[in-house]
Every structure is written in structure tokens, then in C-alpha cells.
Amino acid sequence: MKEYSLRNGLQIPAIGFGTWQIPEGEEVRNSVKNAIQDGYRHIDTAAVYRNEKGVGEGIRESGVLR
């Protein structure tokens, strides 16, 4: 998969899973968990989306370490 280099030298996957407009709760939690289990490693999220709790739970429940 293509990656981009950040200014600090780290790399991130070019294609990410966006969480904008996914409602907080079970829907975003399951969406993120399934995306990670399907191979996504770049999760796009922001405080303004107001679904950070569910995103974090989905990441934690995916079983994939950071």
C-alpha cells in the first residue's frame, strides 16, 4: 500500500477509513472495528466529529495493537 511521509519522518497509509458523519455509539464502534479487521491502519477522526469515544472503543475491540 502506498504511504505518505510526515514531516517528522513517520509514514502513514495513503488510504484511510473516515469516521465523519458516523454517529457516536455502536455504529461507529463496529465500523472502526470492522475496518481495522479488514486491514485499514489509518483511521481519520477529529474531535469535531463528536464520535471519539466510539472510535476509541472500536480500535480497542479490534484486537490489533497500535
PDB file of N, CA and C in Angstrom:
ATOM      1  N   MET A   1       0.844  -1.172   0.000  1.00  0.00           N
ATOM      2  CA  MET A   1       0.000   0.000   0.000  1.00  0.00           C
ATOM      3  C   MET A   1       0.892   1.239   0.000  1.00  0.00           C
ATOM      4  N   LYS A   2       0.476   2.233  -0.762  1.00  0.00           N
ATOM      5  CA  LYS A   2       1.225   3.489  -0.822  1.00  0.00           C
ATOM      6  C   LYS A   2       1.159   4.191   0.532  1.00  0.00           C
ATOM      7  N   GLU A   3       2.258   4.823   0.914  1.00  0.00           N
ATOM      8  CA  GLU A   3       2.320   5.566   2.172  1.00  0.00           C
ATOM      9  C   GLU A   3       2.810   6.982   1.903  1.00  0.00           C
ATOM     10  N   TYR A   4       2.473   7.866   2.832  1.00  0.00           N
ATOM     11  CA  TYR A   4       2.962   9.242   2.806  1.00  0.00           C
ATOM     12  C   TYR A   4       3.914   9.447   3.970  1.00  0.00           C
ATOM     13  N   SER A   5       4.939  10.255   3.732  1.00  0.00           N
ATOM     14  CA  SER A   5       5.875  10.600   4.794  1.00  0.00           C
ATOM     15  C   SER A   5       5.425  11.892   5.460  1.00  0.00           C
ATOM     16  N   LEU A   6       5.363  11.874   6.784  1.00  0.00           N
ATOM     17  CA  LEU A   6       5.046  13.067   7.543  1.00  0.00           C
ATOM     18  C   LEU A   6       6.324  13.859   7.780  1.00  0.00           C
ATOM     19  N   ARG A   7       6.181  15.084   8.198  1.00  0.00           N
ATOM     20  CA  ARG A   7       7.361  15.924   8.431  1.00  0.00           C
ATOM     21  C   ARG A   7       8.291  15.362   9.492  1.00  0.00           C
ATOM     22  N   ASN A   8       7.733  14.581  10.420  1.00  0.00           N
ATOM     23  CA  ASN A   8       8.567  14.010  11.476  1.00  0.00           C
ATOM     24  C   ASN A   8       9.223  12.692  11.055  1.00  0.00           C
ATOM     25  N   GLY A   9       9.050  12.315   9.786  1.00  0.00           N
ATOM     26  CA  GLY A   9       9.690  11.118   9.264  1.00  0.00           C
ATOM     27  C   GLY A   9       8.843   9.857   9.346  1.00  0.00           C
ATOM     28  N   LEU A  10       7.750   9.904  10.092  1.00  0.00           N
ATOM     29  CA  LEU A  10       6.876   8.737  10.171  1.00  0.00           C
ATOM     30  C   LEU A  10       6.082   8.583   8.885  1.00  0.00           C
ATOM     31  N   GLN A  11       5.610   7.387   8.642  1.00  0.00           N
ATOM     32  CA  GLN A  11       4.828   7.098   7.444  1.00  0.00           C
ATOM     33  C   GLN A  11       3.396   6.728   7.842  1.00  0.00           C
ATOM     34  N   ILE A  12       2.437   7.140   6.995  1.00  0.00           N
ATOM     35  CA  ILE A  12       1.039   6.736   7.209  1.00  0.00           C
ATOM     36  C   ILE A  12       0.493   6.193   5.896  1.00  0.00           C
ATOM     37  N   PRO A  13      -0.426   5.240   5.971  1.00  0.00           N
ATOM     38  CA  PRO A  13      -1.035   4.717   4.750  1.00  0.00           C
ATOM     39  C   PRO A  13      -1.767   5.822   3.991  1.00  0.00           C
ATOM     40  N   ALA A  14      -1.704   5.768   2.662  1.00  0.00           N
ATOM     41  CA  ALA A  14      -2.337   6.781   1.823  1.00  0.00           C
ATOM     42  C   ALA A  14      -3.863   6.705   1.899  1.00  0.00           C
ATOM     43  N   ILE A  15      -4.385   5.534   2.090  1.00  0.00           N
ATOM     44  CA  ILE A  15      -5.839   5.366   2.158  1.00  0.00           C
ATOM     45  C   ILE A  15      -6.233   5.123   3.609  1.00  0.00           C
ATOM     46  N   GLY A  16      -7.175   5.926   4.087  1.00  0.00           N
ATOM     47  CA  GLY A  16      -7.633   5.806   5.461  1.00  0.00           C
ATOM     48  C   GLY A  16      -9.128   5.582   5.529  1.00  0.00           C
ATOM     49  N   PHE A  17      -9.578   5.178   6.684  1.00  0.00           N
ATOM     50  CA  PHE A  17     -11.003   4.978   6.940  1.00  0.00           C
ATOM     51  C   PHE A  17     -11.539   6.227   7.621  1.00  0.00           C
ATOM     52  N   GLY A  18     -12.467   6.912   6.981  1.00  0.00           N
ATOM     53  CA  GLY A  18     -13.029   8.141   7.519  1.00  0.00           C
ATOM     54  C   GLY A  18     -14.192   7.880   8.455  1.00  0.00           C
ATOM     55  N   THR A  19     -14.248   8.635   9.543  1.00  0.00           N
ATOM     56  CA  THR A  19     -15.317   8.439  10.527  1.00  0.00           C
ATOM     57  C   THR A  19     -16.279   9.621  10.605  1.00  0.00           C
ATOM     58  N   TRP A  20     -16.128  10.596   9.696  1.00  0.00           N
ATOM     59  CA  TRP A  20     -17.011  11.753   9.680  1.00  0.00           C
ATOM     60  C   TRP A  20     -18.422  11.300   9.354  1.00  0.00           C
ATOM     61  N   GLN A  21     -19.377  11.787  10.071  1.00  0.00           N
ATOM     62  CA  GLN A  21     -20.808  11.528   9.926  1.00  0.00           C
ATOM     63  C   GLN A  21     -21.234  10.126  10.357  1.00  0.00           C
ATOM     64  N   ILE A  22     -20.351   9.376  10.999  1.00  0.00           N
ATOM     65  CA  ILE A  22     -20.791   8.110  11.601  1.00  0.00           C
ATOM     66  C   ILE A  22     -21.203   8.439  13.025  1.00  0.00           C
ATOM     67  N   PRO A  23     -22.465   8.196  13.370  1.00  0.00           N
ATOM     68  CA  PRO A  23     -22.946   8.572  14.704  1.00  0.00           C
ATOM     69  C   PRO A  23     -22.197   7.867  15.824  1.00  0.00           C
ATOM     70  N   GLU A  24     -22.027   8.588  16.929  1.00  0.00           N
ATOM     71  CA  GLU A  24     -21.405   8.039  18.135  1.00  0.00           C
ATOM     72  C   GLU A  24     -22.185   6.822  18.598  1.00  0.00           C
ATOM     73  N   GLY A  25     -21.468   5.889  19.172  1.00  0.00           N
ATOM     74  CA  GLY A  25     -22.094   4.705  19.748  1.00  0.00           C
ATOM     75  C   GLY A  25     -21.750   3.446  18.973  1.00  0.00           C
ATOM     76  N   GLU A  26     -22.678   2.511  18.975  1.00  0.00           N
ATOM     77  CA  GLU A  26     -22.456   1.183  18.407  1.00  0.00           C
ATOM     78  C   GLU A  26     -22.068   1.235  16.925  1.00  0.00           C
ATOM     79  N   GLU A  27     -22.676   2.152  16.174  1.00  0.00           N
ATOM     80  CA  GLU A  27     -22.406   2.211  14.739  1.00  0.00           C
ATOM     81  C   GLU A  27     -20.948   2.557  14.435  1.00  0.00           C
ATOM     82  N   VAL A  28     -20.424   3.590  15.071  1.00  0.00           N
ATOM     83  CA  VAL A  28     -19.033   3.953  14.807  1.00  0.00           C
ATOM     84  C   VAL A  28     -18.084   2.927  15.415  1.00  0.00           C
ATOM     85  N   ARG A  29     -18.417   2.401  16.579  1.00  0.00           N
ATOM     86  CA  ARG A  29     -17.562   1.386  17.209  1.00  0.00           C
ATOM     87  C   ARG A  29     -17.416   0.169  16.286  1.00  0.00           C
ATOM     88  N   ASN A  30     -18.526  -0.345  15.793  1.00  0.00           N
ATOM     89  CA  ASN A  30     -18.476  -1.516  14.916  1.00  0.00           C
ATOM     90  C   ASN A  30     -17.829  -1.207  13.575  1.00  0.00           C
ATOM     91  N   SER A  31     -18.079  -0.017  13.040  1.00  0.00           N
ATOM     92  CA  SER A  31     -17.488   0.369  11.758  1.00  0.00           C
ATOM     93  C   SER A  31     -15.969   0.407  11.848  1.00  0.00           C
ATOM     94  N   VAL A  32     -15.452   1.036  12.887  1.00  0.00           N
ATOM     95  CA  VAL A  32     -13.996   1.141  13.054  1.00  0.00           C
ATOM     96  C   VAL A  32     -13.394  -0.240  13.323  1.00  0.00           C
ATOM     97  N   LYS A  33     -14.021  -0.994  14.181  1.00  0.00           N
ATOM     98  CA  LYS A  33     -13.517  -2.336  14.493  1.00  0.00           C
ATOM     99  C   LYS A  33     -13.445  -3.188  13.221  1.00  0.00           C
ATOM    100  N   ASN A  34     -14.490  -3.166  12.419  1.00  0.00           N
ATOM    101  CA  ASN A  34     -14.511  -3.954  11.185  1.00  0.00           C
ATOM    102  C   ASN A  34     -13.505  -3.436  10.165  1.00  0.00           C
ATOM    103  N   ALA A  35     -13.352  -2.114  10.078  1.00  0.00           N
ATOM    104  CA  ALA A  35     -12.377  -1.543   9.145  1.00  0.00           C
ATOM    105  C   ALA A  35     -10.969  -2.011   9.499  1.00  0.00           C
ATOM    106  N   ILE A  36     -10.637  -1.992  10.776  1.00  0.00           N
ATOM    107  CA  ILE A  36      -9.307  -2.440  11.205  1.00  0.00           C
ATOM    108  C   ILE A  36      -9.129  -3.931  10.929  1.00  0.00           C
ATOM    109  N   GLN A  37     -10.144  -4.716  11.224  1.00  0.00           N
ATOM    110  CA  GLN A  37     -10.056  -6.151  10.968  1.00  0.00           C
ATOM    111  C   GLN A  37      -9.952  -6.452   9.472  1.00  0.00           C
ATOM    112  N   ASP A  38     -10.443  -5.519   8.628  1.00  0.00           N
ATOM    113  CA  ASP A  38     -10.352  -5.677   7.176  1.00  0.00           C
ATOM    114  C   ASP A  38      -9.051  -5.129   6.602  1.00  0.00           C
ATOM    115  N   GLY A  39      -8.182  -4.563   7.454  1.00  0.00           N
ATOM    116  CA  GLY A  39      -6.863  -4.151   7.004  1.00  0.00           C
ATOM    117  C   GLY A  39      -6.554  -2.670   7.060  1.00  0.00           C
ATOM    118  N   TYR A  40      -7.531  -1.819   7.351  1.00  0.00           N
ATOM    119  CA  TYR A  40      -7.239  -0.386   7.467  1.00  0.00           C
ATOM    120  C   TYR A  40      -6.332  -0.145   8.668  1.00  0.00           C
ATOM    121  N   ARG A  41      -5.348   0.745   8.487  1.00  0.00           N
ATOM    122  CA  ARG A  41      -4.464   1.118   9.583  1.00  0.00           C
ATOM    123  C   ARG A  41      -4.388   2.631   9.755  1.00  0.00           C
ATOM    124  N   HIS A  42      -5.131   3.348   8.956  1.00  0.00           N
ATOM    125  CA  HIS A  42      -5.191   4.811   9.023  1.00  0.00           C
ATOM    126  C   HIS A  42      -6.657   5.168   9.282  1.00  0.00           C
ATOM    127  N   ILE A  43      -6.944   5.609  10.482  1.00  0.00           N
ATOM    128  CA  ILE A  43      -8.304   5.987  10.874  1.00  0.00           C
ATOM    129  C   ILE A  43      -8.365   7.508  10.974  1.00  0.00           C
ATOM    130  N   ASP A  44      -9.190   8.116  10.121  1.00  0.00           N
ATOM    131  CA  ASP A  44      -9.349   9.573  10.138  1.00  0.00           C
ATOM    132  C   ASP A  44     -10.435   9.927  11.141  1.00  0.00           C
ATOM    133  N   THR A  45     -10.077  10.719  12.131  1.00  0.00           N
ATOM    134  CA  THR A  45     -11.043  11.150  13.130  1.00  0.00           C
ATOM    135  C   THR A  45     -10.661  12.534  13.628  1.00  0.00           C
ATOM    136  N   ALA A  46     -11.609  13.202  14.229  1.00  0.00           N
ATOM    137  CA  ALA A  46     -11.371  14.543  14.771  1.00  0.00           C
ATOM    138  C   ALA A  46     -12.404  14.811  15.859  1.00  0.00           C
ATOM    139  N   ALA A  47     -12.043  15.655  16.809  1.00  0.00           N
ATOM    140  CA  ALA A  47     -12.951  15.982  17.906  1.00  0.00           C
ATOM    141  C   ALA A  47     -14.262  16.576  17.397  1.00  0.00           C
ATOM    142  N   VAL A  48     -14.191  17.318  16.293  1.00  0.00           N
ATOM    143  CA  VAL A  48     -15.395  17.957  15.759  1.00  0.00           C
ATOM    144  C   VAL A  48     -16.413  16.916  15.264  1.00  0.00           C
ATOM    145  N   TYR A  49     -15.988  15.696  15.002  1.00  0.00           N
ATOM    146  CA  TYR A  49     -16.918  14.647  14.572  1.00  0.00           C
ATOM    147  C   TYR A  49     -17.805  14.171  15.720  1.00  0.00           C
ATOM    148  N   ARG A  50     -17.347  14.407  16.950  1.00  0.00           N
ATOM    149  CA  ARG A  50     -18.088  14.030  18.157  1.00  0.00           C
ATOM    150  C   ARG A  50     -18.394  12.533  18.261  1.00  0.00           C
ATOM    151  N   ASN A  51     -17.456  11.723  17.845  1.00  0.00           N
ATOM    152  CA  ASN A  51     -17.623  10.277  17.958  1.00  0.00           C
ATOM    153  C   ASN A  51     -16.345   9.593  18.445  1.00  0.00           C
ATOM    154  N   GLU A  52     -15.500  10.380  19.138  1.00  0.00           N
ATOM    155  CA  GLU A  52     -14.199   9.860  19.550  1.00  0.00           C
ATOM    156  C   GLU A  52     -14.286   8.661  20.477  1.00  0.00           C
ATOM    157  N   LYS A  53     -15.269   8.650  21.359  1.00  0.00           N
ATOM    158  CA  LYS A  53     -15.391   7.533  22.308  1.00  0.00           C
ATOM    159  C   LYS A  53     -15.597   6.225  21.549  1.00  0.00           C
ATOM    160  N   GLY A  54     -16.532   6.232  20.610  1.00  0.00           N
ATOM    161  CA  GLY A  54     -16.812   5.028  19.829  1.00  0.00           C
ATOM    162  C   GLY A  54     -15.652   4.624  18.947  1.00  0.00           C
ATOM    163  N   VAL A  55     -14.944   5.611  18.387  1.00  0.00           N
ATOM    164  CA  VAL A  55     -13.767   5.308  17.570  1.00  0.00           C
ATOM    165  C   VAL A  55     -12.729   4.592  18.433  1.00  0.00           C
ATOM    166  N   GLY A  56     -12.475   5.128  19.616  1.00  0.00           N
ATOM    167  CA  GLY A  56     -11.511   4.506  20.525  1.00  0.00           C
ATOM    168  C   GLY A  56     -11.917   3.103  20.934  1.00  0.00           C
ATOM    169  N   GLU A  57     -13.197   2.920  21.195  1.00  0.00           N
ATOM    170  CA  GLU A  57     -13.681   1.581  21.570  1.00  0.00           C
ATOM    171  C   GLU A  57     -13.507   0.602  20.406  1.00  0.00           C
ATOM    172  N   GLY A  58     -13.796   1.059  19.194  1.00  0.00           N
ATOM    173  CA  GLY A  58     -13.621   0.200  18.021  1.00  0.00           C
ATOM    174  C   GLY A  58     -12.177  -0.201  17.823  1.00  0.00           C
ATOM    175  N   ILE A  59     -11.265   0.745  18.023  1.00  0.00           N
ATOM    176  CA  ILE A  59      -9.841   0.445  17.915  1.00  0.00           C
ATOM    177  C   ILE A  59      -9.445  -0.581  18.969  1.00  0.00           C
ATOM    178  N   ARG A  60      -9.881  -0.345  20.198  1.00  0.00           N
ATOM    179  CA  ARG A  60      -9.536  -1.247  21.306  1.00  0.00           C
ATOM    180  C   ARG A  60     -10.109  -2.651  21.054  1.00  0.00           C
ATOM    181  N   GLU A  61     -11.343  -2.720  20.584  1.00  0.00           N
ATOM    182  CA  GLU A  61     -12.003  -4.021  20.387  1.00  0.00           C
ATOM    183  C   GLU A  61     -11.506  -4.763  19.148  1.00  0.00           C
ATOM    184  N   SER A  62     -10.768  -4.077  18.265  1.00  0.00           N
ATOM    185  CA  SER A  62     -10.296  -4.731  17.039  1.00  0.00           C
ATOM    186  C   SER A  62      -9.284  -5.825  17.332  1.00  0.00           C
ATOM    187  N   GLY A  63      -8.585  -5.703  18.463  1.00  0.00           N
ATOM    188  CA  GLY A  63      -7.577  -6.689  18.808  1.00  0.00           C
ATOM    189  C   GLY A  63      -6.224  -6.435  18.156  1.00  0.00           C
ATOM    190  N   VAL A  64      -6.114  -5.349  17.364  1.00  0.00           N
ATOM    191  CA  VAL A  64      -4.851  -5.006  16.708  1.00  0.00           C
ATOM    192  C   VAL A  64      -4.141  -3.984  17.588  1.00  0.00           C
ATOM    193  N   LEU A  65      -2.894  -4.271  17.912  1.00  0.00           N
ATOM    194  CA  LEU A  65      -2.123  -3.356  18.745  1.00  0.00           C
ATOM    195  C   LEU A  65      -1.691  -2.148  17.948  1.00  0.00           C
ATOM    196  N   ARG A  66      -1.483  -1.047  18.621  1.00  0.00           N
ATOM    197  CA  ARG A  66      -1.097   0.189  17.961  1.00  0.00           C
ATOM    198  C   ARG A  66       0.220   0.063  17.257  1.00  0.00           C
TER     199      ARG A  66
END
